[in-house]
PDB file of N, CA and C in Angstrom:
ATOM      1  N   MET A   1       0.220  -0.945   0.012  1.00  0.00           N
ATOM      2  CA  MET A   1      -0.123  -0.282   0.146  1.00  0.00           C
ATOM      3  C   MET A   1       1.063   1.232   0.076  1.00  0.00           C
ATOM      4  N   ARG A   2       1.688   1.359   0.963  1.00  0.00           N
ATOM      5  CA  ARG A   2       2.622   2.763   1.301  1.00  0.00           C
ATOM      6  C   ARG A   2       3.795   2.626  -0.278  1.00  0.00           C
ATOM      7  N   GLU A   3       3.637   1.744  -0.836  1.00  0.00           N
ATOM      8  CA  GLU A   3       4.941   1.776  -2.168  1.00  0.00           C
ATOM      9  C   GLU A   3       3.918   1.843  -3.495  1.00  0.00           C
ATOM     10  N   GLU A   4       2.702   1.926  -2.858  1.00  0.00           N
ATOM     11  CA  GLU A   4       1.952   2.271  -4.293  1.00  0.00           C
ATOM     12  C   GLU A   4       1.559   3.479  -4.302  1.00  0.00           C
ATOM     13  N   VAL A   5       1.480   4.307  -2.954  1.00  0.00           N
ATOM     14  CA  VAL A   5       0.746   5.612  -2.712  1.00  0.00           C
ATOM     15  C   VAL A   5       2.277   6.096  -2.872  1.00  0.00           C
ATOM     16  N   VAL A   6       3.516   6.090  -2.696  1.00  0.00           N
ATOM     17  CA  VAL A   6       4.599   6.624  -2.731  1.00  0.00           C
ATOM     18  C   VAL A   6       4.746   6.819  -4.840  1.00  0.00           C
ATOM     19  N   ARG A   7       4.325   5.396  -5.596  1.00  0.00           N
ATOM     20  CA  ARG A   7       4.968   5.384  -6.744  1.00  0.00           C
ATOM     21  C   ARG A   7       3.767   6.364  -7.776  1.00  0.00           C
ATOM     22  N   LEU A   8       2.118   6.400  -6.960  1.00  0.00           N
ATOM     23  CA  LEU A   8       1.528   7.049  -7.898  1.00  0.00           C
ATOM     24  C   LEU A   8       1.636   8.952  -7.509  1.00  0.00           C
ATOM     25  N   ARG A   9       2.023   8.949  -6.477  1.00  0.00           N
ATOM     26  CA  ARG A   9       2.218  10.338  -6.070  1.00  0.00           C
ATOM     27  C   ARG A   9       3.768  11.022  -7.067  1.00  0.00           C
ATOM     28  N   GLY A  10       4.866   9.815  -7.240  1.00  0.00           N
ATOM     29  CA  GLY A  10       6.142  10.115  -7.981  1.00  0.00           C
ATOM     30  C   GLY A  10       5.671  10.224  -9.233  1.00  0.00           C
ATOM     31  N   GLU A  11       4.689   9.945  -9.609  1.00  0.00           N
ATOM     32  CA  GLU A  11       3.696  10.504 -11.389  1.00  0.00           C
ATOM     33  C   GLU A  11       3.161  11.312 -11.159  1.00  0.00           C
ATOM     34  N   GLY A  12       3.009  12.028 -10.037  1.00  0.00           N
ATOM     35  CA  GLY A  12       2.223  13.181 -10.299  1.00  0.00           C
ATOM     36  C   GLY A  12       0.871  13.301 -10.328  1.00  0.00           C
ATOM     37  N   TRP A  13       0.382  12.659  -9.587  1.00  0.00           N
ATOM     38  CA  TRP A  13      -0.929  12.656  -8.811  1.00  0.00           C
ATOM     39  C   TRP A  13      -1.126  13.154  -7.479  1.00  0.00           C
ATOM     40  N   SER A  14      -2.246  13.796  -7.451  1.00  0.00           N
ATOM     41  CA  SER A  14      -2.548  14.998  -6.361  1.00  0.00           C
ATOM     42  C   SER A  14      -2.899  14.030  -5.439  1.00  0.00           C
ATOM     43  N   LEU A  15      -2.743  14.814  -4.097  1.00  0.00           N
ATOM     44  CA  LEU A  15      -3.363  13.885  -2.676  1.00  0.00           C
ATOM     45  C   LEU A  15      -4.708  13.295  -3.293  1.00  0.00           C
ATOM     46  N   ARG A  16      -5.169  14.350  -3.586  1.00  0.00           N
ATOM     47  CA  ARG A  16      -6.635  13.788  -3.726  1.00  0.00           C
ATOM     48  C   ARG A  16      -7.502  13.169  -4.866  1.00  0.00           C
ATOM     49  N   ARG A  17      -6.378  12.803  -5.619  1.00  0.00           N
ATOM     50  CA  ARG A  17      -6.737  11.746  -6.771  1.00  0.00           C
ATOM     51  C   ARG A  17      -5.976  10.252  -5.879  1.00  0.00           C
ATOM     52  N   ILE A  18      -5.233  10.557  -5.255  1.00  0.00           N
ATOM     53  CA  ILE A  18      -4.789   9.443  -4.973  1.00  0.00           C
ATOM     54  C   ILE A  18      -5.978   8.864  -3.605  1.00  0.00           C
ATOM     55  N   ALA A  19      -5.755   9.575  -2.934  1.00  0.00           N
ATOM     56  CA  ALA A  19      -7.189   9.193  -1.894  1.00  0.00           C
ATOM     57  C   ALA A  19      -8.472   8.200  -2.796  1.00  0.00           C
ATOM     58  N   ALA A  20      -9.033   8.902  -3.592  1.00  0.00           N
ATOM     59  CA  ALA A  20      -9.915   8.960  -4.471  1.00  0.00           C
ATOM     60  C   ALA A  20      -9.662   7.636  -5.157  1.00  0.00           C
ATOM     61  N   HIS A  21      -8.526   6.919  -5.501  1.00  0.00           N
ATOM     62  CA  HIS A  21      -7.979   6.041  -5.924  1.00  0.00           C
ATOM     63  C   HIS A  21      -8.221   4.781  -5.168  1.00  0.00           C
ATOM     64  N   MET A  22      -7.116   4.962  -4.071  1.00  0.00           N
ATOM     65  CA  MET A  22      -7.594   3.901  -2.855  1.00  0.00           C
ATOM     66  C   MET A  22      -8.882   4.006  -2.199  1.00  0.00           C
ATOM     67  N   ASN A  23     -10.140   4.864  -1.971  1.00  0.00           N
ATOM     68  CA  ASN A  23     -11.125   3.936  -2.052  1.00  0.00           C
ATOM     69  C   ASN A  23     -11.773   3.436  -2.917  1.00  0.00           C
ATOM     70  N   GLU A  24     -11.622   3.310  -4.241  1.00  0.00           N
ATOM     71  CA  GLU A  24     -11.972   3.144  -5.451  1.00  0.00           C
ATOM     72  C   GLU A  24     -11.399   1.745  -5.029  1.00  0.00           C
ATOM     73  N   VAL A  25     -10.591   1.520  -5.190  1.00  0.00           N
ATOM     74  CA  VAL A  25      -9.896  -0.120  -4.733  1.00  0.00           C
ATOM     75  C   VAL A  25     -10.334  -0.654  -3.442  1.00  0.00           C
ATOM     76  N   GLY A  26     -10.644  -0.183  -2.882  1.00  0.00           N
ATOM     77  CA  GLY A  26     -11.014  -0.817  -0.889  1.00  0.00           C
ATOM     78  C   GLY A  26     -10.063  -1.177  -0.600  1.00  0.00           C
ATOM     79  N   GLN A  27      -8.757  -0.468  -1.007  1.00  0.00           N
ATOM     80  CA  GLN A  27      -7.676  -0.448   0.165  1.00  0.00           C
ATOM     81  C   GLN A  27      -8.096   0.488   1.468  1.00  0.00           C
ATOM     82  N   PRO A  28      -7.980  -0.241   2.776  1.00  0.00           N
ATOM     83  CA  PRO A  28      -7.889   0.305   3.827  1.00  0.00           C
ATOM     84  C   PRO A  28      -6.767   1.373   4.324  1.00  0.00           C
ATOM     85  N   THR A  29      -7.022   2.091   5.099  1.00  0.00           N
ATOM     86  CA  THR A  29      -6.251   3.274   5.268  1.00  0.00           C
ATOM     87  C   THR A  29      -5.512   2.306   6.283  1.00  0.00           C
ATOM     88  N   PRO A  30      -3.692   3.087   6.551  1.00  0.00           N
ATOM     89  CA  PRO A  30      -2.743   2.394   7.663  1.00  0.00           C
ATOM     90  C   PRO A  30      -3.692   2.255   8.688  1.00  0.00           C
ATOM     91  N   ALA A  31      -4.717   2.812   9.242  1.00  0.00           N
ATOM     92  CA  ALA A  31      -5.228   2.945  10.424  1.00  0.00           C
ATOM     93  C   ALA A  31      -6.391   2.096  10.612  1.00  0.00           C
ATOM     94  N   GLY A  32      -6.567   1.289   9.503  1.00  0.00           N
ATOM     95  CA  GLY A  32      -7.812   0.255   9.257  1.00  0.00           C
ATOM     96  C   GLY A  32      -9.033   0.954   8.763  1.00  0.00           C
ATOM     97  N   ARG A  33      -9.333   2.108   8.755  1.00  0.00           N
ATOM     98  CA  ARG A  33     -10.549   2.990   7.989  1.00  0.00           C
ATOM     99  C   ARG A  33     -10.737   2.393   6.943  1.00  0.00           C
ATOM    100  N   ALA A  34     -12.050   2.734   6.643  1.00  0.00           N
ATOM    101  CA  ALA A  34     -12.393   2.374   4.727  1.00  0.00           C
ATOM    102  C   ALA A  34     -12.374   3.560   4.056  1.00  0.00           C
ATOM    103  N   CYS A  35     -12.091   4.537   4.462  1.00  0.00           N
ATOM    104  CA  CYS A  35     -12.476   6.247   3.794  1.00  0.00           C
ATOM    105  C   CYS A  35     -10.793   6.868   3.680  1.00  0.00           C
ATOM    106  N   TRP A  36     -10.103   7.042   2.317  1.00  0.00           N
ATOM    107  CA  TRP A  36      -8.758   7.724   2.801  1.00  0.00           C
ATOM    108  C   TRP A  36      -9.364   9.382   2.129  1.00  0.00           C
ATOM    109  N   THR A  37      -8.811   9.853   2.726  1.00  0.00           N
ATOM    110  CA  THR A  37      -8.542  12.283   2.403  1.00  0.00           C
ATOM    111  C   THR A  37      -7.092  12.145   2.114  1.00  0.00           C
ATOM    112  N   GLN A  38      -7.394  13.134   1.728  1.00  0.00           N
ATOM    113  CA  GLN A  38      -5.962  13.694   1.181  1.00  0.00           C
ATOM    114  C   GLN A  38      -5.452  13.945   2.469  1.00  0.00           C
ATOM    115  N   ASN A  39      -5.904  14.004   3.667  1.00  0.00           N
ATOM    116  CA  ASN A  39      -5.117  14.415   4.734  1.00  0.00           C
ATOM    117  C   ASN A  39      -4.302  12.796   4.865  1.00  0.00           C
ATOM    118  N   THR A  40      -5.263  11.784   4.885  1.00  0.00           N
ATOM    119  CA  THR A  40      -4.191  10.511   5.057  1.00  0.00           C
ATOM    120  C   THR A  40      -3.356   9.896   3.980  1.00  0.00           C
ATOM    121  N   VAL A  41      -3.493  10.750   2.580  1.00  0.00           N
ATOM    122  CA  VAL A  41      -2.267  10.310   1.975  1.00  0.00           C
ATOM    123  C   VAL A  41      -1.597  11.011   2.826  1.00  0.00           C
ATOM    124  N   PHE A  42      -1.461  12.329   2.600  1.00  0.00           N
ATOM    125  CA  PHE A  42      -0.612  13.377   3.288  1.00  0.00           C
ATOM    126  C   PHE A  42       0.610  13.079   4.766  1.00  0.00           C
ATOM    127  N   ASP A  43      -0.676  12.399   5.286  1.00  0.00           N
ATOM    128  CA  ASP A  43       0.239  11.967   6.696  1.00  0.00           C
ATOM    129  C   ASP A  43       1.181  10.396   6.242  1.00  0.00           C
ATOM    130  N   LEU A  44       0.199   9.652   5.441  1.00  0.00           N
ATOM    131  CA  LEU A  44       1.649   8.531   4.993  1.00  0.00           C
ATOM    132  C   LEU A  44       2.751   9.061   4.890  1.00  0.00           C
ATOM    133  N   LEU A  45       2.510   9.730   3.635  1.00  0.00           N
ATOM    134  CA  LEU A  45       3.884   9.867   2.622  1.00  0.00           C
ATOM    135  C   LEU A  45       4.870  10.737   3.705  1.00  0.00           C
ATOM    136  N   THR A  46       4.667  11.665   4.578  1.00  0.00           N
ATOM    137  CA  THR A  46       5.462  12.127   5.538  1.00  0.00           C
ATOM    138  C   THR A  46       5.698  11.422   6.515  1.00  0.00           C
ATOM    139  N   THR A  47       5.264  10.287   6.935  1.00  0.00           N
ATOM    140  CA  THR A  47       5.972   9.445   8.199  1.00  0.00           C
ATOM    141  C   THR A  47       7.561   9.266   7.603  1.00  0.00           C
ATOM    142  N   ARG A  48       8.382   9.057   8.506  1.00  0.00           N
ATOM    143  CA  ARG A  48       9.714   9.083   8.118  1.00  0.00           C
ATOM    144  C   ARG A  48       9.955   7.765   7.368  1.00  0.00           C
ATOM    145  N   HIS A  49       9.432   6.719   7.575  1.00  0.00           N
ATOM    146  CA  HIS A  49       9.448   5.977   6.758  1.00  0.00           C
ATOM    147  C   HIS A  49       9.250   5.610   5.566  1.00  0.00           C
ATOM    148  N   VAL A  50       8.182   6.088   5.452  1.00  0.00           N
ATOM    149  CA  VAL A  50       7.612   6.465   3.711  1.00  0.00           C
ATOM    150  C   VAL A  50       8.874   7.836   2.705  1.00  0.00           C
ATOM    151  N   ARG A  51       9.230   8.775   3.451  1.00  0.00           N
ATOM    152  CA  ARG A  51      10.044   9.657   3.261  1.00  0.00           C
ATOM    153  C   ARG A  51      11.601   9.314   2.922  1.00  0.00           C
ATOM    154  N   GLU A  52      11.779   8.412   3.586  1.00  0.00           N
ATOM    155  CA  GLU A  52      13.250   7.333   3.483  1.00  0.00           C
ATOM    156  C   GLU A  52      13.268   6.399   2.492  1.00  0.00           C
ATOM    157  N   MET A  53      11.898   6.015   2.543  1.00  0.00           N
ATOM    158  CA  MET A  53      11.377   5.228   1.117  1.00  0.00           C
ATOM    159  C   MET A  53      11.555   5.843  -0.261  1.00  0.00           C
ATOM    160  N   SER A  54      11.112   7.174  -0.310  1.00  0.00           N
ATOM    161  CA  SER A  54      10.906   7.480  -1.480  1.00  0.00           C
ATOM    162  C   SER A  54      12.033   8.652  -1.965  1.00  0.00           C
ATOM    163  N   VAL A  55      13.199   8.400  -1.205  1.00  0.00           N
ATOM    164  CA  VAL A  55      14.498   9.312  -1.564  1.00  0.00           C
ATOM    165  C   VAL A  55      14.336   9.249  -2.423  1.00  0.00           C
ATOM    166  N   GLY A  56      14.988   9.923  -3.953  1.00  0.00           N
ATOM    167  CA  GLY A  56      15.089   9.893  -4.874  1.00  0.00           C
ATOM    168  C   GLY A  56      14.344  10.039  -5.987  1.00  0.00           C
ATOM    169  N   LEU A  57      13.408   9.661  -5.711  1.00  0.00           N
ATOM    170  CA  LEU A  57      12.043  10.556  -6.784  1.00  0.00           C
ATOM    171  C   LEU A  57      12.684  12.206  -7.234  1.00  0.00           C
ATOM    172  N   VAL A  58      12.026  11.426  -8.842  1.00  0.00           N
ATOM    173  CA  VAL A  58      12.577  13.927  -8.834  1.00  0.00           C
ATOM    174  C   VAL A  58      11.168  14.592  -8.652  1.00  0.00           C
ATOM    175  N   GLY A  59      11.898  15.457  -8.512  1.00  0.00           N
ATOM    176  CA  GLY A  59      10.915  16.788  -7.407  1.00  0.00           C
ATOM    177  C   GLY A  59      10.027  16.057  -6.575  1.00  0.00           C
ATOM    178  N   GLY A  60      10.705  15.209  -5.505  1.00  0.00           N
ATOM    179  CA  GLY A  60       9.980  14.629  -4.194  1.00  0.00           C
ATOM    180  C   GLY A  60       8.966  14.475  -4.335  1.00  0.00           C
ATOM    181  N   VAL A  61       8.230  13.928  -3.280  1.00  0.00           N
ATOM    182  CA  VAL A  61       6.827  12.996  -3.140  1.00  0.00           C
ATOM    183  C   VAL A  61       5.650  14.165  -2.955  1.00  0.00           C
ATOM    184  N   VAL A  62       6.177  14.922  -1.502  1.00  0.00           N
ATOM    185  CA  VAL A  62       5.033  15.337  -0.859  1.00  0.00           C
ATOM    186  C   VAL A  62       5.056  16.849  -0.880  1.00  0.00           C
ATOM    187  N   ASP A  63       4.052  17.506  -1.318  1.00  0.00           N
ATOM    188  CA  ASP A  63       4.126  18.844  -0.952  1.00  0.00           C
ATOM    189  C   ASP A  63       2.424  19.361  -0.602  1.00  0.00           C
ATOM    190  N   GLN A  64       2.135  20.328   0.217  1.00  0.00           N
ATOM    191  CA  GLN A  64       1.104  20.712   0.599  1.00  0.00           C
ATOM    192  C   GLN A  64      -0.189  21.236  -0.205  1.00  0.00           C
ATOM    193  N   ALA A  65       0.372  21.378  -1.778  1.00  0.00           N
ATOM    194  CA  ALA A  65      -1.078  21.761  -2.660  1.00  0.00           C
ATOM    195  C   ALA A  65      -1.709  20.996  -2.865  1.00  0.00           C
ATOM    196  N   GLY A  66      -1.283  19.297  -2.859  1.00  0.00           N
ATOM    197  CA  GLY A  66      -2.191  18.374  -2.691  1.00  0.00           C
ATOM    198  C   GLY A  66      -2.704  17.917  -4.023  1.00  0.00           C
TER     199      GLY A  66
END
């Protein structure tokens, strides 16, 4: 799940679009909830583990504009 979110963000998807996609495919959030929001995606992308995993992606992974 984390890898897919990082990949989509690296492809230029907005936080809102990633959240909609994760909801469409029925993937629960890291906390086990059914509904993703752009804040859920942002929180996931800004965790230390994911930041370290995403090092090397062109243009970075996270920005607040979503």
